Amino acid sequence: MIKITFIAFFTLLFLKSNIFAHELSFKHDHGKWTLKEVGKNGCSIFQMPIKEKGDYTIRGKVLFYVFKEGNAEYVRIDAGYPYNTDKYVKVTIDNKNYQFFGEDDSAWSMKDDNIIIEAMKAGKSMTVVGYSKKGTETTDTYTLIGFTKAYNSLQQDC
């Protein structure tokens, strides 16, 4: 009886891990950047920060995205907390700064998103400095190594 229970348990564990692995699998990985289909008409490339800094106790998922839907492309940041809408979010690509505005837990570029994308393609690193509604400052660091390859796949595969 113990042997049957043991086999049944590991069979269920194996099936469950395969199901979740499939749900979390992505179409392509490019360094730290990942390409994933979003719905039926879009795709995104995204990255979690390689370093997060800030005096916070709880924070949700943090991601930097480039979305493509049809011919439209846009960049977005998910901070893992609601932004302070009275302060701008600063994105630094190598040594050049860009302003984003925060809305709920997302931030959007104040310039043409293609300017940001071109800077990301030419850059090596990116930092995002944002402020929560509570006043907490966070600094997230991303690598841009592999971004151009991921962006090219976004253009070809989406």
C-alpha atoms as a PDB file:
ATOM      1  CA  MET A   1       0.000   0.000   0.000  1.00  0.00           C
ATOM      2  CA  ILE A   2       2.829   2.389   0.858  1.00  0.00           C
ATOM      3  CA  LYS A   3       4.505   1.609  -2.444  1.00  0.00           C
ATOM      4  CA  ILE A   4       1.309   2.470  -4.412  1.00  0.00           C
ATOM      5  CA  THR A   5       0.857   5.713  -2.448  1.00  0.00           C
ATOM      6  CA  PHE A   6       4.513   6.591  -3.040  1.00  0.00           C
ATOM      7  CA  ILE A   7       4.226   5.952  -6.802  1.00  0.00           C
ATOM      8  CA  ALA A   8       0.936   7.877  -7.032  1.00  0.00           C
ATOM      9  CA  PHE A   9       2.418  10.852  -5.142  1.00  0.00           C
ATOM     10  CA  PHE A  10       5.475  11.112  -7.407  1.00  0.00           C
ATOM     11  CA  THR A  11       3.372  10.603 -10.529  1.00  0.00           C
ATOM     12  CA  LEU A  12       1.139  13.525  -9.500  1.00  0.00           C
ATOM     13  CA  LEU A  13       4.181  15.618  -8.587  1.00  0.00           C
ATOM     14  CA  PHE A  14       5.748  14.896 -11.992  1.00  0.00           C
ATOM     15  CA  LEU A  15       2.540  15.759 -13.859  1.00  0.00           C
ATOM     16  CA  LYS A  16       2.035  18.938 -11.845  1.00  0.00           C
ATOM     17  CA  SER A  17       5.627  20.100 -12.451  1.00  0.00           C
ATOM     18  CA  ASN A  18       5.258  19.440 -16.193  1.00  0.00           C
ATOM     19  CA  ILE A  19       1.993  21.382 -16.327  1.00  0.00           C
ATOM     20  CA  PHE A  20       3.482  24.384 -14.500  1.00  0.00           C
ATOM     21  CA  ALA A  21       6.676  24.221 -16.529  1.00  0.00           C
ATOM     22  CA  HIS A  22       4.590  24.432 -19.688  1.00  0.00           C
ATOM     23  CA  GLU A  23       2.560  27.365 -18.367  1.00  0.00           C
ATOM     24  CA  LEU A  24       5.737  29.253 -17.504  1.00  0.00           C
ATOM     25  CA  SER A  25       7.702  28.390 -20.638  1.00  0.00           C
ATOM     26  CA  PHE A  26       8.598  31.235 -22.947  1.00  0.00           C
ATOM     27  CA  LYS A  27       8.995  31.393 -26.671  1.00  0.00           C
ATOM     28  CA  HIS A  28      12.614  32.656 -26.732  1.00  0.00           C
ATOM     29  CA  ASP A  29      15.269  33.736 -24.249  1.00  0.00           C
ATOM     30  CA  HIS A  30      17.949  36.265 -25.206  1.00  0.00           C
ATOM     31  CA  GLY A  31      20.391  36.718 -22.356  1.00  0.00           C
ATOM     32  CA  LYS A  32      18.323  38.226 -19.567  1.00  0.00           C
ATOM     33  CA  TRP A  33      15.604  39.325 -22.033  1.00  0.00           C
ATOM     34  CA  THR A  34      12.666  37.042 -22.745  1.00  0.00           C
ATOM     35  CA  LEU A  35      10.225  37.138 -25.663  1.00  0.00           C
ATOM     36  CA  LYS A  36       6.679  36.012 -24.955  1.00  0.00           C
ATOM     37  CA  GLU A  37       3.405  36.109 -26.854  1.00  0.00           C
ATOM     38  CA  VAL A  38       0.774  38.314 -25.212  1.00  0.00           C
ATOM     39  CA  GLY A  39      -2.753  37.483 -26.284  1.00  0.00           C
ATOM     40  CA  LYS A  40      -3.492  36.748 -29.925  1.00  0.00           C
ATOM     41  CA  ASN A  41      -2.153  39.963 -31.443  1.00  0.00           C
ATOM     42  CA  GLY A  42       0.904  40.919 -29.464  1.00  0.00           C
ATOM     43  CA  CYS A  43       4.250  40.035 -27.992  1.00  0.00           C
ATOM     44  CA  SER A  44       6.599  41.491 -25.441  1.00  0.00           C
ATOM     45  CA  ILE A  45      10.213  41.308 -24.470  1.00  0.00           C
ATOM     46  CA  PHE A  46      10.897  41.806 -20.801  1.00  0.00           C
ATOM     47  CA  GLN A  47      13.452  41.518 -18.050  1.00  0.00           C
ATOM     48  CA  MET A  48      13.423  41.416 -14.278  1.00  0.00           C
ATOM     49  CA  PRO A  49      16.073  43.656 -12.679  1.00  0.00           C
ATOM     50  CA  ILE A  50      19.476  42.142 -12.100  1.00  0.00           C
ATOM     51  CA  LYS A  51      19.696  44.313  -8.960  1.00  0.00           C
ATOM     52  CA  GLU A  52      17.003  45.959  -6.791  1.00  0.00           C
ATOM     53  CA  LYS A  53      17.802  48.596  -4.176  1.00  0.00           C
ATOM     54  CA  GLY A  54      15.442  50.342  -1.766  1.00  0.00           C
ATOM     55  CA  ASP A  55      14.228  50.453   1.821  1.00  0.00           C
ATOM     56  CA  TYR A  56      11.008  48.474   1.374  1.00  0.00           C
ATOM     57  CA  THR A  57       9.531  45.485   3.168  1.00  0.00           C
ATOM     58  CA  ILE A  58       7.081  44.194   0.553  1.00  0.00           C
ATOM     59  CA  ARG A  59       7.307  44.617  -3.201  1.00  0.00           C
ATOM     60  CA  GLY A  60       5.542  42.884  -6.064  1.00  0.00           C
ATOM     61  CA  LYS A  61       6.935  41.735  -9.402  1.00  0.00           C
ATOM     62  CA  VAL A  62       9.294  44.218 -11.095  1.00  0.00           C
ATOM     63  CA  LEU A  63       9.650  44.122 -14.900  1.00  0.00           C
ATOM     64  CA  PHE A  64      10.731  46.329 -17.795  1.00  0.00           C
ATOM     65  CA  TYR A  65       8.785  45.604 -21.007  1.00  0.00           C
ATOM     66  CA  VAL A  66       8.747  46.454 -24.678  1.00  0.00           C
ATOM     67  CA  PHE A  67       5.353  45.547 -26.157  1.00  0.00           C
ATOM     68  CA  LYS A  68       4.439  45.124 -29.812  1.00  0.00           C
ATOM     69  CA  GLU A  69       0.838  44.986 -31.005  1.00  0.00           C
ATOM     70  CA  GLY A  70       0.515  45.188 -34.779  1.00  0.00           C
ATOM     71  CA  ASN A  71       2.619  48.186 -35.801  1.00  0.00           C
ATOM     72  CA  ALA A  72       2.477  49.840 -32.369  1.00  0.00           C
ATOM     73  CA  GLU A  73       5.362  49.509 -29.909  1.00  0.00           C
ATOM     74  CA  TYR A  74       5.605  50.896 -26.414  1.00  0.00           C
ATOM     75  CA  VAL A  75       7.727  50.552 -23.289  1.00  0.00           C
ATOM     76  CA  ARG A  76       6.419  50.020 -19.775  1.00  0.00           C
ATOM     77  CA  ILE A  77       7.816  49.478 -16.302  1.00  0.00           C
ATOM     78  CA  ASP A  78       6.023  47.527 -13.572  1.00  0.00           C
ATOM     79  CA  ALA A  79       7.382  48.661 -10.209  1.00  0.00           C
ATOM     80  CA  GLY A  80       5.769  46.200  -7.829  1.00  0.00           C
ATOM     81  CA  TYR A  81       4.182  49.090  -5.901  1.00  0.00           C
ATOM     82  CA  PRO A  82       1.923  52.094  -6.683  1.00  0.00           C
ATOM     83  CA  TYR A  83       4.001  55.033  -7.938  1.00  0.00           C
ATOM     84  CA  ASN A  84       3.905  58.497  -6.405  1.00  0.00           C
ATOM     85  CA  THR A  85       2.271  60.414  -9.277  1.00  0.00           C
ATOM     86  CA  ASP A  86       3.807  63.703  -8.086  1.00  0.00           C
ATOM     87  CA  LYS A  87       7.325  62.493  -8.933  1.00  0.00           C
ATOM     88  CA  TYR A  88       8.742  61.392 -12.255  1.00  0.00           C
ATOM     89  CA  VAL A  89      10.371  58.027 -12.788  1.00  0.00           C
ATOM     90  CA  LYS A  90      13.945  58.430 -14.038  1.00  0.00           C
ATOM     91  CA  VAL A  91      15.290  55.930 -16.553  1.00  0.00           C
ATOM     92  CA  THR A  92      19.016  56.170 -17.253  1.00  0.00           C
ATOM     93  CA  ILE A  93      20.412  54.337 -20.269  1.00  0.00           C
ATOM     94  CA  ASP A  94      24.194  54.435 -20.024  1.00  0.00           C
ATOM     95  CA  ASN A  95      24.559  58.127 -19.054  1.00  0.00           C
ATOM     96  CA  LYS A  96      21.455  59.620 -20.674  1.00  0.00           C
ATOM     97  CA  ASN A  97      18.298  60.294 -18.620  1.00  0.00           C
ATOM     98  CA  TYR A  98      14.663  59.915 -19.676  1.00  0.00           C
ATOM     99  CA  GLN A  99      11.510  60.804 -17.763  1.00  0.00           C
ATOM    100  CA  PHE A 100       8.603  58.429 -17.349  1.00  0.00           C
ATOM    101  CA  PHE A 101       5.333  59.080 -15.552  1.00  0.00           C
ATOM    102  CA  GLY A 102       3.867  56.671 -13.041  1.00  0.00           C
ATOM    103  CA  GLU A 103       0.269  55.502 -13.008  1.00  0.00           C
ATOM    104  CA  ASP A 104      -0.736  52.912 -10.408  1.00  0.00           C
ATOM    105  CA  ASP A 105       2.122  50.371 -10.462  1.00  0.00           C
ATOM    106  CA  SER A 106       3.222  51.054 -14.064  1.00  0.00           C
ATOM    107  CA  ALA A 107       5.341  53.788 -15.651  1.00  0.00           C
ATOM    108  CA  TRP A 108       5.236  55.033 -19.241  1.00  0.00           C
ATOM    109  CA  SER A 109       7.671  57.030 -21.352  1.00  0.00           C
ATOM    110  CA  MET A 110       7.100  60.775 -21.739  1.00  0.00           C
ATOM    111  CA  LYS A 111       8.962  60.722 -25.085  1.00  0.00           C
ATOM    112  CA  ASP A 112       8.392  58.780 -28.254  1.00  0.00           C
ATOM    113  CA  ASP A 113       8.912  55.168 -27.195  1.00  0.00           C
ATOM    114  CA  ASN A 114      11.101  54.566 -30.265  1.00  0.00           C
ATOM    115  CA  ILE A 115      13.683  56.977 -28.797  1.00  0.00           C
ATOM    116  CA  ILE A 116      13.861  54.796 -25.676  1.00  0.00           C
ATOM    117  CA  ILE A 117      14.053  51.597 -27.739  1.00  0.00           C
ATOM    118  CA  GLU A 118      16.887  52.977 -29.896  1.00  0.00           C
ATOM    119  CA  ALA A 119      18.802  54.048 -26.775  1.00  0.00           C
ATOM    120  CA  MET A 120      18.296  50.571 -25.302  1.00  0.00           C
ATOM    121  CA  LYS A 121      19.627  48.960 -28.491  1.00  0.00           C
ATOM    122  CA  ALA A 122      22.761  51.126 -28.315  1.00  0.00           C
ATOM    123  CA  GLY A 123      23.189  50.887 -24.527  1.00  0.00           C
ATOM    124  CA  LYS A 124      24.817  48.468 -22.139  1.00  0.00           C
ATOM    125  CA  SER A 125      22.983  49.130 -18.884  1.00  0.00           C
ATOM    126  CA  MET A 126      19.822  50.799 -17.628  1.00  0.00           C
ATOM    127  CA  THR A 127      18.669  51.971 -14.220  1.00  0.00           C
ATOM    128  CA  VAL A 128      15.176  52.948 -13.141  1.00  0.00           C
ATOM    129  CA  VAL A 129      14.651  55.216 -10.116  1.00  0.00           C
ATOM    130  CA  GLY A 130      11.086  55.460  -8.872  1.00  0.00           C
ATOM    131  CA  TYR A 131       9.162  56.573  -5.787  1.00  0.00           C
ATOM    132  CA  SER A 132       6.277  54.777  -4.142  1.00  0.00           C
ATOM    133  CA  LYS A 133       3.184  56.545  -2.791  1.00  0.00           C
ATOM    134  CA  LYS A 134       4.722  56.050   0.655  1.00  0.00           C
ATOM    135  CA  GLY A 135       7.860  57.917  -0.462  1.00  0.00           C
ATOM    136  CA  THR A 136      10.197  54.940  -0.746  1.00  0.00           C
ATOM    137  CA  GLU A 137      12.874  55.392  -3.408  1.00  0.00           C
ATOM    138  CA  THR A 138      13.847  52.321  -5.423  1.00  0.00           C
ATOM    139  CA  THR A 139      16.657  51.824  -7.902  1.00  0.00           C
ATOM    140  CA  ASP A 140      16.449  48.884 -10.287  1.00  0.00           C
ATOM    141  CA  THR A 141      19.319  47.908 -12.559  1.00  0.00           C
ATOM    142  CA  TYR A 142      18.930  46.079 -15.872  1.00  0.00           C
ATOM    143  CA  THR A 143      21.412  44.792 -18.413  1.00  0.00           C
ATOM    144  CA  LEU A 144      20.908  45.706 -22.052  1.00  0.00           C
ATOM    145  CA  ILE A 145      23.194  42.921 -23.229  1.00  0.00           C
ATOM    146  CA  GLY A 146      21.042  40.757 -25.515  1.00  0.00           C
ATOM    147  CA  PHE A 147      18.364  43.440 -25.896  1.00  0.00           C
ATOM    148  CA  THR A 148      18.998  44.030 -29.614  1.00  0.00           C
ATOM    149  CA  LYS A 149      18.780  40.311 -30.354  1.00  0.00           C
ATOM    150  CA  ALA A 150      15.554  40.058 -28.340  1.00  0.00           C
ATOM    151  CA  TYR A 151      14.156  43.151 -30.079  1.00  0.00           C
ATOM    152  CA  ASN A 152      15.003  41.692 -33.518  1.00  0.00           C
ATOM    153  CA  SER A 153      13.176  38.483 -32.561  1.00  0.00           C
ATOM    154  CA  LEU A 154      10.211  40.609 -31.464  1.00  0.00           C
ATOM    155  CA  GLN A 155      10.148  42.130 -34.957  1.00  0.00           C
ATOM    156  CA  GLN A 156      10.536  38.813 -36.784  1.00  0.00           C
ATOM    157  CA  ASP A 157       8.444  36.471 -34.661  1.00  0.00           C
ATOM    158  CA  CYS A 158       5.533  38.671 -33.662  1.00  0.00           C
END
